[in-house]
N, C-alpha and C. Protein backbone atom coordinates (compact mmCIF):
# COMPACT_ATOMS: atom_id res chain seq x y z
N MET A 1 124.82 134.08 20.19
CA MET A 1 126.19 133.90 20.45
C MET A 1 126.77 132.79 19.57
N ARG A 2 127.98 133.07 18.87
CA ARG A 2 128.58 132.09 17.96
C ARG A 2 129.74 131.45 18.86
N LEU A 3 129.73 130.15 18.69
CA LEU A 3 130.79 129.27 19.40
C LEU A 3 132.05 129.37 18.48
N SER A 4 133.30 129.40 19.08
CA SER A 4 134.46 129.24 18.42
C SER A 4 134.67 127.93 17.95
N SER A 5 135.55 127.76 17.00
CA SER A 5 135.88 126.26 16.54
C SER A 5 136.43 125.48 17.57
N ASN A 6 137.20 126.03 18.41
CA ASN A 6 137.68 125.23 19.60
C ASN A 6 136.47 124.79 20.53
N ALA A 7 135.51 125.66 20.84
CA ALA A 7 134.50 125.31 21.66
C ALA A 7 133.59 124.26 20.96
N LYS A 8 133.35 124.47 19.71
CA LYS A 8 132.63 123.42 19.00
C LYS A 8 133.20 122.00 18.99
N SER A 9 134.48 121.98 18.90
CA SER A 9 135.35 120.68 18.79
C SER A 9 135.20 120.19 20.24
N LEU A 10 135.40 120.88 21.20
CA LEU A 10 135.26 120.42 22.58
C LEU A 10 133.86 119.74 22.84
N ALA A 11 132.80 120.44 22.41
CA ALA A 11 131.45 120.05 22.56
C ALA A 11 131.31 118.55 21.91
N PHE A 12 131.67 118.62 20.70
CA PHE A 12 131.41 117.30 20.10
C PHE A 12 132.23 116.18 20.66
N THR A 13 133.48 116.45 21.09
CA THR A 13 134.16 115.51 21.75
C THR A 13 133.55 115.16 23.09
N ALA A 14 132.97 116.01 23.83
CA ALA A 14 132.36 115.69 25.13
C ALA A 14 131.02 114.70 24.88
N LEU A 15 130.44 115.08 23.62
CA LEU A 15 129.27 114.14 23.38
C LEU A 15 129.68 112.85 22.84
N GLY A 16 130.93 112.49 22.63
CA GLY A 16 131.36 111.17 22.39
C GLY A 16 131.44 111.08 20.88
N PHE A 17 131.37 112.06 20.12
CA PHE A 17 131.59 111.94 18.56
C PHE A 17 132.97 111.49 18.26
N LEU A 18 133.03 110.62 17.23
CA LEU A 18 134.33 110.18 16.68
C LEU A 18 134.95 111.40 15.72
N HIS A 19 136.24 111.68 15.64
CA HIS A 19 136.68 112.62 14.75
C HIS A 19 137.77 112.10 13.87
N THR A 20 137.90 112.73 12.81
CA THR A 20 138.89 112.39 11.83
C THR A 20 140.40 112.39 12.41
N PRO A 21 141.12 111.59 12.23
CA PRO A 21 142.62 111.61 12.63
C PRO A 21 143.28 112.61 11.76
N MET A 22 144.30 113.33 12.32
CA MET A 22 144.97 114.21 11.27
C MET A 22 145.76 113.42 10.44
N ILE A 23 145.76 113.67 9.11
CA ILE A 23 146.47 112.99 8.00
C ILE A 23 147.78 113.82 7.72
N MET A 24 148.83 113.08 7.90
CA MET A 24 150.16 113.90 7.37
C MET A 24 150.44 113.42 5.99
N TYR A 25 150.41 114.14 5.00
CA TYR A 25 150.58 113.90 3.64
C TYR A 25 152.07 114.17 3.23
N THR A 26 152.85 113.12 3.52
CA THR A 26 154.38 113.27 3.07
C THR A 26 154.51 113.15 1.63
N GLU A 27 155.51 113.40 1.03
CA GLU A 27 155.81 113.48 -0.47
C GLU A 27 155.69 112.03 -0.87
N GLU A 28 156.24 111.03 -0.14
CA GLU A 28 156.14 109.52 -0.33
C GLU A 28 154.68 109.16 -0.40
N LYS A 29 153.95 109.51 0.54
CA LYS A 29 152.49 109.04 0.57
C LYS A 29 151.78 109.74 -0.68
N VAL A 30 151.94 110.99 -0.91
CA VAL A 30 151.10 111.53 -2.01
C VAL A 30 151.53 111.03 -3.36
N SER A 31 152.90 110.63 -3.42
CA SER A 31 153.42 109.91 -4.77
C SER A 31 152.68 108.43 -4.89
N ALA A 32 152.55 107.87 -3.81
CA ALA A 32 152.15 106.45 -3.85
C ALA A 32 150.61 106.60 -4.28
N PHE A 33 149.92 107.57 -3.54
CA PHE A 33 148.38 107.84 -3.93
C PHE A 33 148.25 108.14 -5.31
N GLU A 34 149.23 109.02 -5.93
CA GLU A 34 149.04 109.45 -7.25
C GLU A 34 149.21 108.26 -8.29
N ARG A 35 150.24 107.33 -7.92
CA ARG A 35 150.63 106.21 -8.86
C ARG A 35 149.37 105.45 -8.85
N LEU A 36 148.82 105.03 -7.56
CA LEU A 36 147.51 104.17 -7.63
C LEU A 36 146.54 104.75 -8.21
N TRP A 37 146.24 106.06 -8.24
CA TRP A 37 145.13 106.53 -8.96
C TRP A 37 145.31 106.57 -10.38
N ASP A 38 146.52 106.83 -10.81
CA ASP A 38 146.90 106.73 -12.38
C ASP A 38 146.73 105.49 -12.93
N ASP A 39 147.08 104.37 -12.09
CA ASP A 39 146.90 103.01 -12.42
C ASP A 39 145.52 102.75 -12.64
N ALA A 40 144.71 103.24 -11.73
CA ALA A 40 143.35 102.91 -11.62
C ALA A 40 142.58 103.53 -12.95
N LEU A 41 143.00 104.71 -13.34
CA LEU A 41 142.40 105.37 -14.29
C LEU A 41 142.97 104.76 -15.76
N ARG A 42 144.03 104.20 -15.84
CA ARG A 42 144.50 103.59 -16.88
C ARG A 42 143.68 102.23 -17.16
N GLN A 43 143.12 101.73 -16.07
CA GLN A 43 142.55 100.32 -16.13
C GLN A 43 141.10 100.66 -16.08
N ASN A 44 140.60 101.70 -16.83
CA ASN A 44 139.10 102.18 -16.73
C ASN A 44 138.05 101.17 -16.86
N GLY A 45 138.31 99.95 -17.17
CA GLY A 45 137.34 98.97 -17.27
C GLY A 45 137.04 98.24 -16.01
N HIS A 46 138.04 98.45 -15.14
CA HIS A 46 137.83 97.75 -13.71
C HIS A 46 137.04 98.58 -12.89
N LYS A 47 136.15 98.00 -12.00
CA LYS A 47 135.34 98.65 -11.14
C LYS A 47 135.87 98.73 -9.77
N GLN A 48 137.00 98.06 -9.46
CA GLN A 48 137.54 98.10 -8.18
C GLN A 48 139.02 98.39 -8.13
N ILE A 49 139.49 99.38 -7.31
CA ILE A 49 140.86 99.58 -7.31
C ILE A 49 141.49 98.57 -6.34
N ASP A 50 142.62 97.99 -6.70
CA ASP A 50 143.46 97.03 -6.10
C ASP A 50 144.30 97.72 -5.06
N TYR A 51 143.62 98.10 -3.89
CA TYR A 51 144.34 98.76 -3.01
C TYR A 51 145.34 97.86 -2.10
N HIS A 52 146.67 98.28 -2.41
CA HIS A 52 147.78 97.45 -1.87
C HIS A 52 148.73 98.26 -0.97
N LEU A 53 148.43 99.43 -0.68
CA LEU A 53 149.34 100.40 -0.10
C LEU A 53 149.25 100.23 1.41
N SER A 54 150.25 100.54 2.19
CA SER A 54 150.37 100.28 3.61
C SER A 54 149.60 101.49 4.36
N TYR A 55 149.17 102.61 3.57
CA TYR A 55 148.48 103.60 4.31
C TYR A 55 147.10 103.24 4.54
N PRO A 56 146.40 103.73 5.50
CA PRO A 56 144.92 103.47 5.68
C PRO A 56 144.07 104.02 4.38
N LYS A 57 143.21 103.16 4.10
CA LYS A 57 142.44 103.58 2.93
C LYS A 57 141.60 104.96 3.05
N TYR A 58 141.23 105.17 4.11
CA TYR A 58 140.49 106.42 4.29
C TYR A 58 141.36 107.69 3.85
N GLU A 59 142.69 107.46 4.17
CA GLU A 59 143.63 108.54 3.75
C GLU A 59 143.70 108.67 2.06
N PHE A 60 143.73 107.48 1.64
CA PHE A 60 143.66 107.57 0.05
C PHE A 60 142.35 108.18 -0.34
N LEU A 61 141.24 107.86 0.10
CA LEU A 61 139.97 108.33 -0.25
C LEU A 61 139.90 109.90 -0.09
N SER A 62 140.46 110.20 1.17
CA SER A 62 140.51 111.69 1.56
C SER A 62 141.45 112.53 0.56
N HIS A 63 142.47 111.83 0.14
CA HIS A 63 143.45 112.46 -0.88
C HIS A 63 142.69 112.70 -2.23
N LEU A 64 141.97 111.73 -2.55
CA LEU A 64 141.13 111.74 -3.89
C LEU A 64 140.08 112.83 -3.79
N SER A 65 139.52 112.88 -2.77
CA SER A 65 138.45 113.97 -2.64
C SER A 65 139.17 115.34 -2.56
N SER A 66 140.16 115.59 -1.83
CA SER A 66 140.69 117.00 -1.78
C SER A 66 141.60 117.34 -2.88
N ARG A 67 142.22 116.38 -3.59
CA ARG A 67 143.11 116.64 -4.66
C ARG A 67 142.43 116.56 -6.04
N HIS A 68 141.48 115.62 -6.16
CA HIS A 68 140.93 115.29 -7.49
C HIS A 68 139.42 115.70 -7.45
N GLY A 69 138.84 116.26 -6.39
CA GLY A 69 137.44 116.54 -6.37
C GLY A 69 136.61 115.40 -6.53
N CYS A 70 137.01 114.06 -6.13
CA CYS A 70 136.04 112.96 -6.24
C CYS A 70 135.09 112.98 -5.04
N LEU A 71 134.14 112.33 -5.32
CA LEU A 71 132.82 112.26 -4.27
C LEU A 71 132.98 110.72 -4.03
N MET A 72 132.51 110.24 -2.75
CA MET A 72 132.59 108.94 -2.47
C MET A 72 131.15 108.62 -2.16
N HIS A 73 130.83 107.43 -2.57
CA HIS A 73 129.54 106.54 -2.31
C HIS A 73 129.87 105.32 -1.70
N GLY A 74 129.30 105.17 -0.48
CA GLY A 74 129.47 103.94 0.31
C GLY A 74 128.43 102.93 -0.04
N SER A 75 128.85 101.68 -0.51
CA SER A 75 127.79 100.68 -0.70
C SER A 75 128.53 99.27 -0.73
N PRO A 76 127.93 98.13 -0.10
CA PRO A 76 128.59 96.88 -0.43
C PRO A 76 128.37 96.38 -1.67
N ASP A 77 127.60 97.00 -2.51
CA ASP A 77 127.31 96.36 -3.88
C ASP A 77 128.46 96.86 -4.91
N ILE A 78 129.36 95.98 -5.36
CA ILE A 78 130.51 96.40 -6.27
C ILE A 78 129.97 96.29 -7.75
N ASN A 79 128.62 95.88 -7.93
CA ASN A 79 128.29 96.03 -9.38
C ASN A 79 127.44 97.11 -9.88
N ILE A 80 127.53 98.16 -9.17
CA ILE A 80 126.86 99.47 -9.54
C ILE A 80 127.62 100.12 -10.75
N ASP A 81 126.98 100.12 -11.98
CA ASP A 81 127.54 100.61 -13.05
C ASP A 81 127.25 102.19 -13.25
N VAL A 82 125.92 102.49 -12.89
CA VAL A 82 125.51 103.91 -12.99
C VAL A 82 124.86 104.31 -11.82
N PHE A 83 125.21 105.56 -11.25
CA PHE A 83 124.43 106.11 -10.08
C PHE A 83 123.35 106.85 -10.55
N GLU A 84 122.16 106.43 -10.23
CA GLU A 84 120.86 107.02 -10.43
C GLU A 84 120.20 107.39 -9.19
N PRO A 85 119.45 108.61 -9.02
CA PRO A 85 118.64 108.84 -7.97
C PRO A 85 117.65 107.89 -7.74
N ARG A 86 117.45 107.55 -6.44
CA ARG A 86 116.25 106.71 -5.87
C ARG A 86 115.86 107.34 -4.61
N VAL A 87 114.51 106.77 -4.35
CA VAL A 87 113.88 107.33 -3.19
C VAL A 87 114.58 107.02 -1.84
N GLN A 88 115.02 107.87 -1.06
CA GLN A 88 115.77 107.64 0.23
C GLN A 88 115.11 108.35 1.26
N THR A 89 115.71 108.26 2.47
CA THR A 89 115.22 109.08 3.67
C THR A 89 116.40 109.86 4.13
N THR A 90 116.14 111.20 4.30
CA THR A 90 117.31 111.97 4.94
C THR A 90 117.26 111.75 6.41
N PHE A 91 118.22 112.36 7.01
CA PHE A 91 118.44 112.19 8.48
C PHE A 91 117.20 112.88 9.22
N TYR A 92 116.52 113.69 8.75
CA TYR A 92 115.32 114.33 9.35
C TYR A 92 114.16 113.55 8.91
N GLY A 93 114.12 112.40 8.20
CA GLY A 93 112.99 111.57 7.91
C GLY A 93 112.38 111.98 6.62
N LYS A 94 112.80 112.97 5.85
CA LYS A 94 112.07 113.42 4.65
C LYS A 94 112.51 112.57 3.52
N ARG A 95 111.37 112.32 2.84
CA ARG A 95 111.78 111.27 1.67
C ARG A 95 112.27 112.14 0.51
N VAL A 96 113.34 111.82 -0.15
CA VAL A 96 113.96 112.58 -1.30
C VAL A 96 114.24 111.47 -2.44
N LYS A 97 114.44 112.06 -3.61
CA LYS A 97 115.05 111.14 -4.64
C LYS A 97 116.46 111.66 -5.01
N ALA A 98 117.47 110.78 -4.53
CA ALA A 98 118.84 111.34 -4.57
C ALA A 98 119.83 110.24 -4.69
N VAL A 99 121.03 110.58 -4.96
CA VAL A 99 122.21 109.59 -4.67
C VAL A 99 122.98 110.40 -3.61
N PHE A 100 123.17 109.66 -2.50
CA PHE A 100 124.06 110.26 -1.34
C PHE A 100 125.57 110.13 -1.71
N VAL A 101 126.31 111.08 -1.60
CA VAL A 101 127.71 110.99 -1.69
C VAL A 101 128.43 112.02 -0.63
N ALA A 102 129.64 111.71 -0.37
CA ALA A 102 130.37 112.70 0.49
C ALA A 102 131.88 112.94 0.00
N SER A 103 132.21 114.26 0.37
CA SER A 103 133.64 114.46 -0.07
C SER A 103 134.46 114.16 1.12
N ASP A 104 134.33 112.92 1.52
CA ASP A 104 134.98 112.49 2.71
C ASP A 104 135.46 111.19 2.68
N GLY A 105 136.70 110.61 3.26
CA GLY A 105 137.08 109.39 3.21
C GLY A 105 136.66 108.51 4.28
N ILE A 106 135.92 108.88 5.33
CA ILE A 106 135.50 107.85 6.36
C ILE A 106 133.97 107.44 6.23
N TRP A 107 133.20 108.59 6.27
CA TRP A 107 131.75 108.51 6.38
C TRP A 107 131.09 107.53 5.32
N PRO A 108 131.52 107.50 4.09
CA PRO A 108 130.92 106.41 3.07
C PRO A 108 131.31 105.07 3.53
N MET A 109 132.40 104.94 4.22
CA MET A 109 132.77 103.53 4.61
C MET A 109 131.74 102.74 5.54
N PHE A 110 131.05 103.57 6.28
CA PHE A 110 129.92 103.10 7.29
C PHE A 110 128.96 102.29 6.26
N PHE A 111 128.62 102.73 5.21
CA PHE A 111 127.64 102.43 4.35
C PHE A 111 128.22 101.19 3.33
N ALA A 112 129.59 101.24 3.26
CA ALA A 112 130.16 100.23 2.47
C ALA A 112 130.30 98.85 3.19
N ILE A 113 130.25 98.92 4.46
CA ILE A 113 130.30 97.88 5.34
C ILE A 113 129.16 97.41 6.15
N LEU A 114 128.12 98.34 6.07
CA LEU A 114 126.82 98.03 6.74
C LEU A 114 125.89 96.92 5.93
N ASP A 115 125.51 95.97 6.50
CA ASP A 115 124.75 94.96 5.99
C ASP A 115 123.22 95.35 6.23
N ARG A 116 122.74 95.83 5.08
CA ARG A 116 121.19 96.26 5.31
C ARG A 116 120.32 95.10 5.19
N ARG A 117 120.75 93.99 4.94
CA ARG A 117 119.65 92.88 4.92
C ARG A 117 119.41 92.61 6.30
N VAL A 118 120.11 92.88 7.31
CA VAL A 118 119.96 92.52 8.69
C VAL A 118 119.55 93.86 9.42
N LEU A 119 119.99 94.93 8.95
CA LEU A 119 119.76 96.21 9.70
C LEU A 119 118.76 97.08 9.09
N SER A 120 117.46 97.20 9.81
CA SER A 120 116.36 98.00 9.18
C SER A 120 116.46 99.55 9.27
N GLN A 121 117.27 99.80 10.38
CA GLN A 121 117.40 101.30 10.74
C GLN A 121 118.71 101.48 11.21
N HIS A 122 119.05 102.87 10.96
CA HIS A 122 120.39 103.31 11.62
C HIS A 122 120.37 104.89 11.59
N ARG A 123 121.16 105.36 12.29
CA ARG A 123 121.37 106.94 12.27
C ARG A 123 122.97 107.23 12.04
N ASN A 124 123.16 108.20 11.49
CA ASN A 124 124.59 108.66 11.30
C ASN A 124 124.65 110.08 10.93
N GLY A 125 125.76 110.65 11.10
CA GLY A 125 125.98 112.15 10.77
C GLY A 125 127.38 112.36 10.66
N CYS A 126 127.82 113.53 10.02
CA CYS A 126 129.16 114.03 9.85
C CYS A 126 129.00 115.62 9.98
N PHE A 127 129.82 116.08 10.90
CA PHE A 127 129.82 117.46 11.09
C PHE A 127 131.24 118.17 10.90
N LEU A 128 131.16 119.37 10.31
CA LEU A 128 132.46 119.97 9.98
C LEU A 128 132.36 121.17 10.97
N VAL A 129 133.36 121.45 11.75
CA VAL A 129 133.49 122.45 12.60
C VAL A 129 133.52 123.82 12.03
N ASP A 130 134.50 124.04 11.02
CA ASP A 130 134.57 125.15 10.29
C ASP A 130 135.14 124.77 8.80
N ALA A 131 135.19 125.76 7.95
CA ALA A 131 135.63 125.45 6.70
C ALA A 131 137.09 125.50 6.42
N SER A 132 137.89 125.51 7.46
CA SER A 132 139.36 125.58 7.17
C SER A 132 139.95 124.30 6.84
N PRO A 133 141.00 124.25 5.96
CA PRO A 133 141.57 122.92 5.50
C PRO A 133 142.12 122.11 6.62
N THR A 134 142.26 122.53 7.78
CA THR A 134 142.83 121.62 9.07
C THR A 134 141.50 121.32 9.90
N SER A 135 140.40 121.61 9.57
CA SER A 135 139.21 121.48 10.45
C SER A 135 138.93 119.86 10.50
N ARG A 136 138.66 119.42 11.55
CA ARG A 136 138.32 117.98 11.69
C ARG A 136 136.86 117.83 11.52
N LYS A 137 136.53 116.62 11.08
CA LYS A 137 135.09 116.21 10.89
C LYS A 137 134.70 115.36 12.12
N TYR A 138 133.50 115.50 12.60
CA TYR A 138 133.04 114.76 13.79
C TYR A 138 131.98 113.92 13.22
N TYR A 139 131.92 112.59 13.65
CA TYR A 139 130.86 111.59 13.12
C TYR A 139 130.10 110.95 14.41
N PHE A 140 129.08 110.39 14.00
CA PHE A 140 128.36 109.46 14.93
C PHE A 140 127.71 108.31 13.91
N PHE A 141 127.84 107.27 14.43
CA PHE A 141 127.29 105.96 13.75
C PHE A 141 126.45 105.23 14.93
N SER A 142 125.17 105.00 14.49
CA SER A 142 124.39 104.49 15.46
C SER A 142 123.36 103.44 14.81
N VAL A 143 123.33 102.35 15.53
CA VAL A 143 122.53 101.25 15.12
C VAL A 143 121.70 100.78 16.48
N PRO A 144 120.40 100.37 16.31
CA PRO A 144 119.70 99.87 17.64
C PRO A 144 120.54 98.74 18.18
N LYS A 145 120.63 98.72 19.52
CA LYS A 145 121.22 97.91 20.39
C LYS A 145 120.84 96.54 20.14
N GLY A 146 119.53 96.34 19.94
CA GLY A 146 119.05 94.94 19.84
C GLY A 146 119.46 94.35 18.31
N MET A 147 119.88 95.23 17.42
CA MET A 147 120.37 94.66 16.14
C MET A 147 121.85 94.17 16.24
N LEU A 148 122.58 94.55 17.12
CA LEU A 148 123.95 94.27 17.34
C LEU A 148 124.33 92.71 17.13
N SER A 149 123.47 91.96 17.68
CA SER A 149 123.48 90.45 17.60
C SER A 149 123.45 89.93 16.13
N GLU A 150 122.90 90.76 15.34
CA GLU A 150 122.72 90.23 13.88
C GLU A 150 124.01 90.66 13.10
N ASP A 151 124.97 91.32 13.81
CA ASP A 151 126.19 91.56 13.05
C ASP A 151 125.98 92.40 11.83
N PRO A 152 125.49 93.60 12.07
CA PRO A 152 125.19 94.29 10.96
C PRO A 152 126.51 94.98 10.26
């Protein structure tokens, strides 16, 4: 039996998963995002975008993903010049040589703010209910309770 999108959404919500807020792309917002993106491309030697817009950053990142096909990699290391595959562990514990990226504006932020020097383990996931453009993504982010005192 296949569950409907509504049933899946209700199940994820009942399980306590976080979900993407609905983003309203006004003409003004899209124009601001496009100007910032164009400025960033013109300054191609800079590694960091000077984000100064009043809109949430995840909305800008989501726009870049959907409009320009950008993929996001979350890391606190701003000195990455080249992305190269390295040995990592998947959600299921399998060792793979990869670069993890997402076509999402929220999920990579978890990794960008995570201090892995104090956090040795964590679990996370992102689930899409269906492939429609209005489908919400559902997330979970988990760190061991005993690690919270370390401010990961």
